[in-house]
Amino acid sequence: MGARLLLTTALLLLRTPAAEALMEPGFCYILDAILFLYGIVLTVLYCRLKFLAHRAAQQGAGKERKEEAIYTGLSGEGQEMYETLQIKHS
């Protein structure tokens, strides 16, 4: 009896207008086109993000080299000039 009820319910669901609309090929082609364009847009955005991150990493590496060249003539003699503060515990 349970199998017969399940089969009847499945047949009734398949005969609804919503299920008939999904069986039309034109509707499926439209959904495929939307998903295809969505995939292309996401791929382009992902590649753009990777390209910008790679370019920023290269520019950051060049900037660090310039900063290192600026400070090469400095010595560390003046680093002991500052004393640490002693915290008084009451």
PDB file of N, CA and C in Angstrom:
ATOM      1  N   MET A   1       0.817  -1.186   0.000  1.00  0.00           N
ATOM      2  CA  MET A   1       0.000   0.000   0.000  1.00  0.00           C
ATOM      3  C   MET A   1       0.866   1.258   0.000  1.00  0.00           C
ATOM      4  N   GLY A   2       1.987   1.254   0.741  1.00  0.00           N
ATOM      5  CA  GLY A   2       2.876   2.420   0.809  1.00  0.00           C
ATOM      6  C   GLY A   2       3.527   2.707  -0.531  1.00  0.00           C
ATOM      7  N   ALA A   3       3.875   1.648  -1.267  1.00  0.00           N
ATOM      8  CA  ALA A   3       4.495   1.826  -2.574  1.00  0.00           C
ATOM      9  C   ALA A   3       3.489   2.401  -3.574  1.00  0.00           C
ATOM     10  N   ARG A   4       2.230   1.963  -3.470  1.00  0.00           N
ATOM     11  CA  ARG A   4       1.194   2.459  -4.382  1.00  0.00           C
ATOM     12  C   ARG A   4       0.922   3.944  -4.121  1.00  0.00           C
ATOM     13  N   LEU A   5       0.919   4.346  -2.847  1.00  0.00           N
ATOM     14  CA  LEU A   5       0.710   5.746  -2.492  1.00  0.00           C
ATOM     15  C   LEU A   5       1.873   6.600  -2.982  1.00  0.00           C
ATOM     16  N   LEU A   6       3.085   6.099  -2.827  1.00  0.00           N
ATOM     17  CA  LEU A   6       4.275   6.810  -3.286  1.00  0.00           C
ATOM     18  C   LEU A   6       4.260   6.982  -4.800  1.00  0.00           C
ATOM     19  N   LEU A   7       3.867   5.945  -5.518  1.00  0.00           N
ATOM     20  CA  LEU A   7       3.802   6.005  -6.980  1.00  0.00           C
ATOM     21  C   LEU A   7       2.723   6.988  -7.434  1.00  0.00           C
ATOM     22  N   THR A   8       1.599   6.992  -6.761  1.00  0.00           N
ATOM     23  CA  THR A   8       0.515   7.918  -7.101  1.00  0.00           C
ATOM     24  C   THR A   8       0.934   9.360  -6.843  1.00  0.00           C
ATOM     25  N   THR A   9       1.594   9.596  -5.730  1.00  0.00           N
ATOM     26  CA  THR A   9       2.065  10.940  -5.401  1.00  0.00           C
ATOM     27  C   THR A   9       3.091  11.421  -6.427  1.00  0.00           C
ATOM     28  N   ALA A  10       4.009  10.550  -6.825  1.00  0.00           N
ATOM     29  CA  ALA A  10       5.019  10.914  -7.817  1.00  0.00           C
ATOM     30  C   ALA A  10       4.379  11.248  -9.153  1.00  0.00           C
ATOM     31  N   LEU A  11       3.373  10.478  -9.560  1.00  0.00           N
ATOM     32  CA  LEU A  11       2.695  10.759 -10.822  1.00  0.00           C
ATOM     33  C   LEU A  11       1.926  12.074 -10.778  1.00  0.00           C
ATOM     34  N   LEU A  12       1.313  12.380  -9.644  1.00  0.00           N
ATOM     35  CA  LEU A  12       0.595  13.650  -9.507  1.00  0.00           C
ATOM     36  C   LEU A  12       1.558  14.841  -9.537  1.00  0.00           C
ATOM     37  N   LEU A  13       2.721  14.682  -8.944  1.00  0.00           N
ATOM     38  CA  LEU A  13       3.704  15.772  -8.963  1.00  0.00           C
ATOM     39  C   LEU A  13       4.244  16.011 -10.362  1.00  0.00           C
ATOM     40  N   LEU A  14       4.366  14.960 -11.150  1.00  0.00           N
ATOM     41  CA  LEU A  14       4.872  15.110 -12.507  1.00  0.00           C
ATOM     42  C   LEU A  14       3.864  15.762 -13.444  1.00  0.00           C
ATOM     43  N   ARG A  15       2.610  15.743 -13.093  1.00  0.00           N
ATOM     44  CA  ARG A  15       1.571  16.300 -13.959  1.00  0.00           C
ATOM     45  C   ARG A  15       1.271  17.762 -13.635  1.00  0.00           C
ATOM     46  N   THR A  16       2.001  18.374 -12.706  1.00  0.00           N
ATOM     47  CA  THR A  16       1.770  19.776 -12.359  1.00  0.00           C
ATOM     48  C   THR A  16       2.315  20.691 -13.454  1.00  0.00           C
ATOM     49  N   PRO A  17       1.791  21.902 -13.580  1.00  0.00           N
ATOM     50  CA  PRO A  17       2.270  22.833 -14.617  1.00  0.00           C
ATOM     51  C   PRO A  17       3.740  23.220 -14.440  1.00  0.00           C
ATOM     52  N   ALA A  18       4.228  23.265 -13.215  1.00  0.00           N
ATOM     53  CA  ALA A  18       5.631  23.619 -12.992  1.00  0.00           C
ATOM     54  C   ALA A  18       6.557  22.567 -13.581  1.00  0.00           C
ATOM     55  N   ALA A  19       6.203  21.306 -13.426  1.00  0.00           N
ATOM     56  CA  ALA A  19       7.025  20.237 -13.987  1.00  0.00           C
ATOM     57  C   ALA A  19       6.959  20.262 -15.508  1.00  0.00           C
ATOM     58  N   GLU A  20       5.802  20.619 -16.073  1.00  0.00           N
ATOM     59  CA  GLU A  20       5.681  20.710 -17.523  1.00  0.00           C
ATOM     60  C   GLU A  20       6.513  21.853 -18.085  1.00  0.00           C
ATOM     61  N   ALA A  21       6.626  22.945 -17.343  1.00  0.00           N
ATOM     62  CA  ALA A  21       7.430  24.076 -17.795  1.00  0.00           C
ATOM     63  C   ALA A  21       8.911  23.713 -17.825  1.00  0.00           C
ATOM     64  N   LEU A  22       9.345  22.867 -16.890  1.00  0.00           N
ATOM     65  CA  LEU A  22      10.752  22.477 -16.866  1.00  0.00           C
ATOM     66  C   LEU A  22      11.109  21.517 -17.992  1.00  0.00           C
ATOM     67  N   MET A  23      10.119  20.884 -18.578  1.00  0.00           N
ATOM     68  CA  MET A  23      10.399  19.923 -19.633  1.00  0.00           C
ATOM     69  C   MET A  23      10.525  20.580 -21.001  1.00  0.00           C
ATOM     70  N   GLU A  24      10.231  21.864 -21.112  1.00  0.00           N
ATOM     71  CA  GLU A  24      10.372  22.556 -22.385  1.00  0.00           C
ATOM     72  C   GLU A  24      11.848  22.827 -22.645  1.00  0.00           C
ATOM     73  N   PRO A  25      12.359  22.515 -23.822  1.00  0.00           N
ATOM     74  CA  PRO A  25      13.788  22.694 -24.093  1.00  0.00           C
ATOM     75  C   PRO A  25      14.212  24.156 -24.150  1.00  0.00           C
ATOM     76  N   GLY A  26      13.337  25.046 -24.578  1.00  0.00           N
ATOM     77  CA  GLY A  26      13.705  26.466 -24.652  1.00  0.00           C
ATOM     78  C   GLY A  26      14.060  27.033 -23.283  1.00  0.00           C
ATOM     79  N   PHE A  27      13.303  26.646 -22.285  1.00  0.00           N
ATOM     80  CA  PHE A  27      13.554  27.106 -20.923  1.00  0.00           C
ATOM     81  C   PHE A  27      14.899  26.592 -20.417  1.00  0.00           C
ATOM     82  N   CYS A  28      15.216  25.350 -20.736  1.00  0.00           N
ATOM     83  CA  CYS A  28      16.494  24.771 -20.314  1.00  0.00           C
ATOM     84  C   CYS A  28      17.666  25.468 -20.998  1.00  0.00           C
ATOM     85  N   TYR A  29      17.488  25.836 -22.266  1.00  0.00           N
ATOM     86  CA  TYR A  29      18.554  26.531 -22.982  1.00  0.00           C
ATOM     87  C   TYR A  29      18.822  27.912 -22.374  1.00  0.00           C
ATOM     88  N   ILE A  30      17.758  28.568 -21.956  1.00  0.00           N
ATOM     89  CA  ILE A  30      17.932  29.884 -21.320  1.00  0.00           C
ATOM     90  C   ILE A  30      18.690  29.739 -20.004  1.00  0.00           C
ATOM     91  N   LEU A  31      18.316  28.747 -19.203  1.00  0.00           N
ATOM     92  CA  LEU A  31      19.016  28.524 -17.936  1.00  0.00           C
ATOM     93  C   LEU A  31      20.475  28.133 -18.174  1.00  0.00           C
ATOM     94  N   ASP A  32      20.740  27.326 -19.195  1.00  0.00           N
ATOM     95  CA  ASP A  32      22.115  26.959 -19.525  1.00  0.00           C
ATOM     96  C   ASP A  32      22.930  28.177 -19.923  1.00  0.00           C
ATOM     97  N   ALA A  33      22.338  29.074 -20.699  1.00  0.00           N
ATOM     98  CA  ALA A  33      23.044  30.279 -21.123  1.00  0.00           C
ATOM     99  C   ALA A  33      23.372  31.168 -19.926  1.00  0.00           C
ATOM    100  N   ILE A  34      22.421  31.298 -18.998  1.00  0.00           N
ATOM    101  CA  ILE A  34      22.663  32.112 -17.805  1.00  0.00           C
ATOM    102  C   ILE A  34      23.790  31.506 -16.970  1.00  0.00           C
ATOM    103  N   LEU A  35      23.769  30.204 -16.779  1.00  0.00           N
ATOM    104  CA  LEU A  35      24.829  29.561 -16.004  1.00  0.00           C
ATOM    105  C   LEU A  35      26.180  29.651 -16.703  1.00  0.00           C
ATOM    106  N   PHE A  36      26.183  29.560 -18.024  1.00  0.00           N
ATOM    107  CA  PHE A  36      27.422  29.681 -18.785  1.00  0.00           C
ATOM    108  C   PHE A  36      28.024  31.076 -18.629  1.00  0.00           C
ATOM    109  N   LEU A  37      27.194  32.115 -18.764  1.00  0.00           N
ATOM    110  CA  LEU A  37      27.679  33.485 -18.583  1.00  0.00           C
ATOM    111  C   LEU A  37      28.150  33.725 -17.153  1.00  0.00           C
ATOM    112  N   TYR A  38      27.446  33.176 -16.196  1.00  0.00           N
ATOM    113  CA  TYR A  38      27.833  33.292 -14.787  1.00  0.00           C
ATOM    114  C   TYR A  38      29.204  32.663 -14.556  1.00  0.00           C
ATOM    115  N   GLY A  39      29.441  31.510 -15.164  1.00  0.00           N
ATOM    116  CA  GLY A  39      30.742  30.854 -15.040  1.00  0.00           C
ATOM    117  C   GLY A  39      31.850  31.665 -15.674  1.00  0.00           C
ATOM    118  N   ILE A  40      31.579  32.279 -16.815  1.00  0.00           N
ATOM    119  CA  ILE A  40      32.591  33.117 -17.468  1.00  0.00           C
ATOM    120  C   ILE A  40      32.917  34.337 -16.616  1.00  0.00           C
ATOM    121  N   VAL A  41      31.896  34.991 -16.080  1.00  0.00           N
ATOM    122  CA  VAL A  41      32.114  36.183 -15.247  1.00  0.00           C
ATOM    123  C   VAL A  41      32.927  35.822 -14.006  1.00  0.00           C
ATOM    124  N   LEU A  42      32.592  34.731 -13.351  1.00  0.00           N
ATOM    125  CA  LEU A  42      33.345  34.328 -12.159  1.00  0.00           C
ATOM    126  C   LEU A  42      34.788  33.976 -12.499  1.00  0.00           C
ATOM    127  N   THR A  43      35.010  33.341 -13.625  1.00  0.00           N
ATOM    128  CA  THR A  43      36.372  32.999 -14.036  1.00  0.00           C
ATOM    129  C   THR A  43      37.187  34.249 -14.315  1.00  0.00           C
ATOM    130  N   VAL A  44      36.594  35.214 -15.001  1.00  0.00           N
ATOM    131  CA  VAL A  44      37.306  36.468 -15.290  1.00  0.00           C
ATOM    132  C   VAL A  44      37.634  37.207 -13.993  1.00  0.00           C
ATOM    133  N   LEU A  45      36.691  37.276 -13.076  1.00  0.00           N
ATOM    134  CA  LEU A  45      36.952  37.959 -11.805  1.00  0.00           C
ATOM    135  C   LEU A  45      38.031  37.251 -10.996  1.00  0.00           C
ATOM    136  N   TYR A  46      38.038  35.929 -11.011  1.00  0.00           N
ATOM    137  CA  TYR A  46      39.053  35.167 -10.285  1.00  0.00           C
ATOM    138  C   TYR A  46      40.435  35.401 -10.892  1.00  0.00           C
ATOM    139  N   CYS A  47      40.533  35.359 -12.204  1.00  0.00           N
ATOM    140  CA  CYS A  47      41.831  35.591 -12.862  1.00  0.00           C
ATOM    141  C   CYS A  47      42.313  37.012 -12.622  1.00  0.00           C
ATOM    142  N   ARG A  48      41.409  37.971 -12.640  1.00  0.00           N
ATOM    143  CA  ARG A  48      41.781  39.368 -12.373  1.00  0.00           C
ATOM    144  C   ARG A  48      42.312  39.520 -10.948  1.00  0.00           C
ATOM    145  N   LEU A  49      41.666  38.872 -10.003  1.00  0.00           N
ATOM    146  CA  LEU A  49      42.105  38.929  -8.616  1.00  0.00           C
ATOM    147  C   LEU A  49      43.499  38.325  -8.457  1.00  0.00           C
ATOM    148  N   LYS A  50      43.731  37.179  -9.094  1.00  0.00           N
ATOM    149  CA  LYS A  50      45.054  36.546  -9.024  1.00  0.00           C
ATOM    150  C   LYS A  50      46.117  37.415  -9.670  1.00  0.00           C
ATOM    151  N   PHE A  51      45.793  38.041 -10.806  1.00  0.00           N
ATOM    152  CA  PHE A  51      46.746  38.891 -11.509  1.00  0.00           C
ATOM    153  C   PHE A  51      47.100  40.113 -10.670  1.00  0.00           C
ATOM    154  N   LEU A  52      46.090  40.745 -10.060  1.00  0.00           N
ATOM    155  CA  LEU A  52      46.344  41.924  -9.231  1.00  0.00           C
ATOM    156  C   LEU A  52      47.158  41.570  -7.981  1.00  0.00           C
ATOM    157  N   ALA A  53      46.885  40.415  -7.398  1.00  0.00           N
ATOM    158  CA  ALA A  53      47.639  39.990  -6.216  1.00  0.00           C
ATOM    159  C   ALA A  53      49.091  39.700  -6.588  1.00  0.00           C
ATOM    160  N   HIS A  54      49.300  39.105  -7.763  1.00  0.00           N
ATOM    161  CA  HIS A  54      50.661  38.817  -8.211  1.00  0.00           C
ATOM    162  C   HIS A  54      51.419  40.114  -8.498  1.00  0.00           C
ATOM    163  N   ARG A  55      50.753  41.082  -9.123  1.00  0.00           N
ATOM    164  CA  ARG A  55      51.390  42.358  -9.429  1.00  0.00           C
ATOM    165  C   ARG A  55      51.722  43.115  -8.137  1.00  0.00           C
ATOM    166  N   ALA A  56      50.829  43.087  -7.157  1.00  0.00           N
ATOM    167  CA  ALA A  56      51.071  43.769  -5.885  1.00  0.00           C
ATOM    168  C   ALA A  56      52.241  43.129  -5.143  1.00  0.00           C
ATOM    169  N   ALA A  57      52.377  41.814  -5.231  1.00  0.00           N
ATOM    170  CA  ALA A  57      53.497  41.136  -4.584  1.00  0.00           C
ATOM    171  C   ALA A  57      54.819  41.522  -5.247  1.00  0.00           C
ATOM    172  N   GLN A  58      54.817  41.658  -6.561  1.00  0.00           N
ATOM    173  CA  GLN A  58      56.038  42.054  -7.254  1.00  0.00           C
ATOM    174  C   GLN A  58      56.410  43.488  -6.926  1.00  0.00           C
ATOM    175  N   GLN A  59      55.447  44.386  -6.867  1.00  0.00           N
ATOM    176  CA  GLN A  59      55.730  45.779  -6.534  1.00  0.00           C
ATOM    177  C   GLN A  59      56.189  45.911  -5.095  1.00  0.00           C
ATOM    178  N   GLY A  60      55.631  45.119  -4.202  1.00  0.00           N
ATOM    179  CA  GLY A  60      56.040  45.149  -2.795  1.00  0.00           C
ATOM    180  C   GLY A  60      57.470  44.676  -2.622  1.00  0.00           C
ATOM    181  N   ALA A  61      57.887  43.677  -3.400  1.00  0.00           N
ATOM    182  CA  ALA A  61      59.261  43.170  -3.316  1.00  0.00           C
ATOM    183  C   ALA A  61      60.236  44.223  -3.819  1.00  0.00           C
ATOM    184  N   GLY A  62      59.887  44.937  -4.876  1.00  0.00           N
ATOM    185  CA  GLY A  62      60.759  45.995  -5.388  1.00  0.00           C
ATOM    186  C   GLY A  62      60.854  47.156  -4.426  1.00  0.00           C
ATOM    187  N   LYS A  63      59.792  47.465  -3.736  1.00  0.00           N
ATOM    188  CA  LYS A  63      59.782  48.558  -2.764  1.00  0.00           C
ATOM    189  C   LYS A  63      60.659  48.224  -1.568  1.00  0.00           C
ATOM    190  N   GLU A  64      60.640  46.967  -1.117  1.00  0.00           N
ATOM    191  CA  GLU A  64      61.486  46.563   0.001  1.00  0.00           C
ATOM    192  C   GLU A  64      62.963  46.681  -0.361  1.00  0.00           C
ATOM    193  N   ARG A  65      63.300  46.359  -1.579  1.00  0.00           N
ATOM    194  CA  ARG A  65      64.698  46.471  -2.006  1.00  0.00           C
ATOM    195  C   ARG A  65      65.152  47.915  -1.988  1.00  0.00           C
ATOM    196  N   LYS A  66      64.280  48.849  -2.405  1.00  0.00           N
ATOM    197  CA  LYS A  66      64.629  50.266  -2.382  1.00  0.00           C
ATOM    198  C   LYS A  66      64.831  50.735  -0.949  1.00  0.00           C
ATOM    199  N   GLU A  67      63.958  50.323  -0.032  1.00  0.00           N
ATOM    200  CA  GLU A  67      64.073  50.743   1.363  1.00  0.00           C
ATOM    201  C   GLU A  67      65.338  50.183   2.000  1.00  0.00           C
ATOM    202  N   GLU A  68      65.706  48.973   1.655  1.00  0.00           N
ATOM    203  CA  GLU A  68      66.933  48.403   2.194  1.00  0.00           C
ATOM    204  C   GLU A  68      68.143  49.193   1.710  1.00  0.00           C
ATOM    205  N   ALA A  69      68.112  49.637   0.471  1.00  0.00           N
ATOM    206  CA  ALA A  69      69.227  50.407  -0.070  1.00  0.00           C
ATOM    207  C   ALA A  69      69.335  51.755   0.631  1.00  0.00           C
ATOM    208  N   ILE A  70      68.232  52.325   1.059  1.00  0.00           N
ATOM    209  CA  ILE A  70      68.264  53.617   1.747  1.00  0.00           C
ATOM    210  C   ILE A  70      68.946  53.484   3.103  1.00  0.00           C
ATOM    211  N   TYR A  71      68.689  52.409   3.831  1.00  0.00           N
ATOM    212  CA  TYR A  71      69.184  52.257   5.192  1.00  0.00           C
ATOM    213  C   TYR A  71      70.498  51.491   5.289  1.00  0.00           C
ATOM    214  N   THR A  72      71.169  51.180   4.195  1.00  0.00           N
ATOM    215  CA  THR A  72      72.397  50.386   4.281  1.00  0.00           C
ATOM    216  C   THR A  72      73.527  51.133   4.965  1.00  0.00           C
ATOM    217  N   GLY A  73      73.587  52.449   4.850  1.00  0.00           N
ATOM    218  CA  GLY A  73      74.689  53.197   5.452  1.00  0.00           C
ATOM    219  C   GLY A  73      74.520  53.446   6.945  1.00  0.00           C
ATOM    220  N   LEU A  74      73.381  53.157   7.509  1.00  0.00           N
ATOM    221  CA  LEU A  74      73.144  53.415   8.930  1.00  0.00           C
ATOM    222  C   LEU A  74      73.710  52.300   9.782  1.00  0.00           C
ATOM    223  N   SER A  75      74.180  52.670  10.955  1.00  0.00           N
ATOM    224  CA  SER A  75      74.709  51.655  11.873  1.00  0.00           C
ATOM    225  C   SER A  75      73.761  51.507  13.059  1.00  0.00           C
ATOM    226  N   GLY A  76      73.930  50.473  13.827  1.00  0.00           N
ATOM    227  CA  GLY A  76      73.078  50.206  14.965  1.00  0.00           C
ATOM    228  C   GLY A  76      73.645  50.724  16.277  1.00  0.00           C
ATOM    229  N   GLU A  77      74.567  51.680  16.248  1.00  0.00           N
ATOM    230  CA  GLU A  77      75.194  52.187  17.479  1.00  0.00           C
ATOM    231  C   GLU A  77      74.203  52.933  18.366  1.00  0.00           C
ATOM    232  N   GLY A  78      73.245  53.642  17.808  1.00  0.00           N
ATOM    233  CA  GLY A  78      72.326  54.461  18.590  1.00  0.00           C
ATOM    234  C   GLY A  78      71.172  53.679  19.185  1.00  0.00           C
ATOM    235  N   GLN A  79      71.135  52.383  19.031  1.00  0.00           N
ATOM    236  CA  GLN A  79      70.007  51.615  19.531  1.00  0.00           C
ATOM    237  C   GLN A  79      70.029  51.472  21.045  1.00  0.00           C
ATOM    238  N   GLU A  80      71.187  51.547  21.683  1.00  0.00           N
ATOM    239  CA  GLU A  80      71.277  51.398  23.134  1.00  0.00           C
ATOM    240  C   GLU A  80      71.034  52.718  23.850  1.00  0.00           C
ATOM    241  N   MET A  81      70.722  53.746  23.132  1.00  0.00           N
ATOM    242  CA  MET A  81      70.518  55.058  23.705  1.00  0.00           C
ATOM    243  C   MET A  81      69.248  55.107  24.555  1.00  0.00           C
ATOM    244  N   TYR A  82      68.285  54.303  24.252  1.00  0.00           N
ATOM    245  CA  TYR A  82      67.020  54.324  24.975  1.00  0.00           C
ATOM    246  C   TYR A  82      67.007  53.246  26.057  1.00  0.00           C
ATOM    247  N   GLU A  83      66.512  53.623  27.234  1.00  0.00           N
ATOM    248  CA  GLU A  83      66.411  52.678  28.336  1.00  0.00           C
ATOM    249  C   GLU A  83      64.975  52.175  28.433  1.00  0.00           C
ATOM    250  N   THR A  84      64.822  50.983  28.922  1.00  0.00           N
ATOM    251  CA  THR A  84      63.481  50.449  29.130  1.00  0.00           C
ATOM    252  C   THR A  84      62.905  50.997  30.424  1.00  0.00           C
ATOM    253  N   LEU A  85      61.635  51.194  30.460  1.00  0.00           N
ATOM    254  CA  LEU A  85      60.977  51.708  31.657  1.00  0.00           C
ATOM    255  C   LEU A  85      60.778  50.571  32.653  1.00  0.00           C
ATOM    256  N   GLN A  86      61.023  50.867  33.894  1.00  0.00           N
ATOM    257  CA  GLN A  86      60.828  49.885  34.965  1.00  0.00           C
ATOM    258  C   GLN A  86      59.433  50.110  35.567  1.00  0.00           C
ATOM    259  N   ILE A  87      58.668  49.071  35.639  1.00  0.00           N
ATOM    260  CA  ILE A  87      57.327  49.160  36.197  1.00  0.00           C
ATOM    261  C   ILE A  87      57.416  48.936  37.693  1.00  0.00           C
ATOM    262  N   LYS A  88      56.860  49.888  38.468  1.00  0.00           N
ATOM    263  CA  LYS A  88      56.880  49.768  39.924  1.00  0.00           C
ATOM    264  C   LYS A  88      55.628  49.012  40.370  1.00  0.00           C
ATOM    265  N   HIS A  89      55.855  47.960  41.124  1.00  0.00           N
ATOM    266  CA  HIS A  89      54.731  47.194  41.662  1.00  0.00           C
ATOM    267  C   HIS A  89      54.444  47.677  43.078  1.00  0.00           C
ATOM    268  N   SER A  90      53.205  48.028  43.386  1.00  0.00           N
ATOM    269  CA  SER A  90      52.896  48.514  44.732  1.00  0.00           C
ATOM    270  C   SER A  90      52.289  47.448  45.581  1.00  0.00           C
TER     271      SER A  90
END
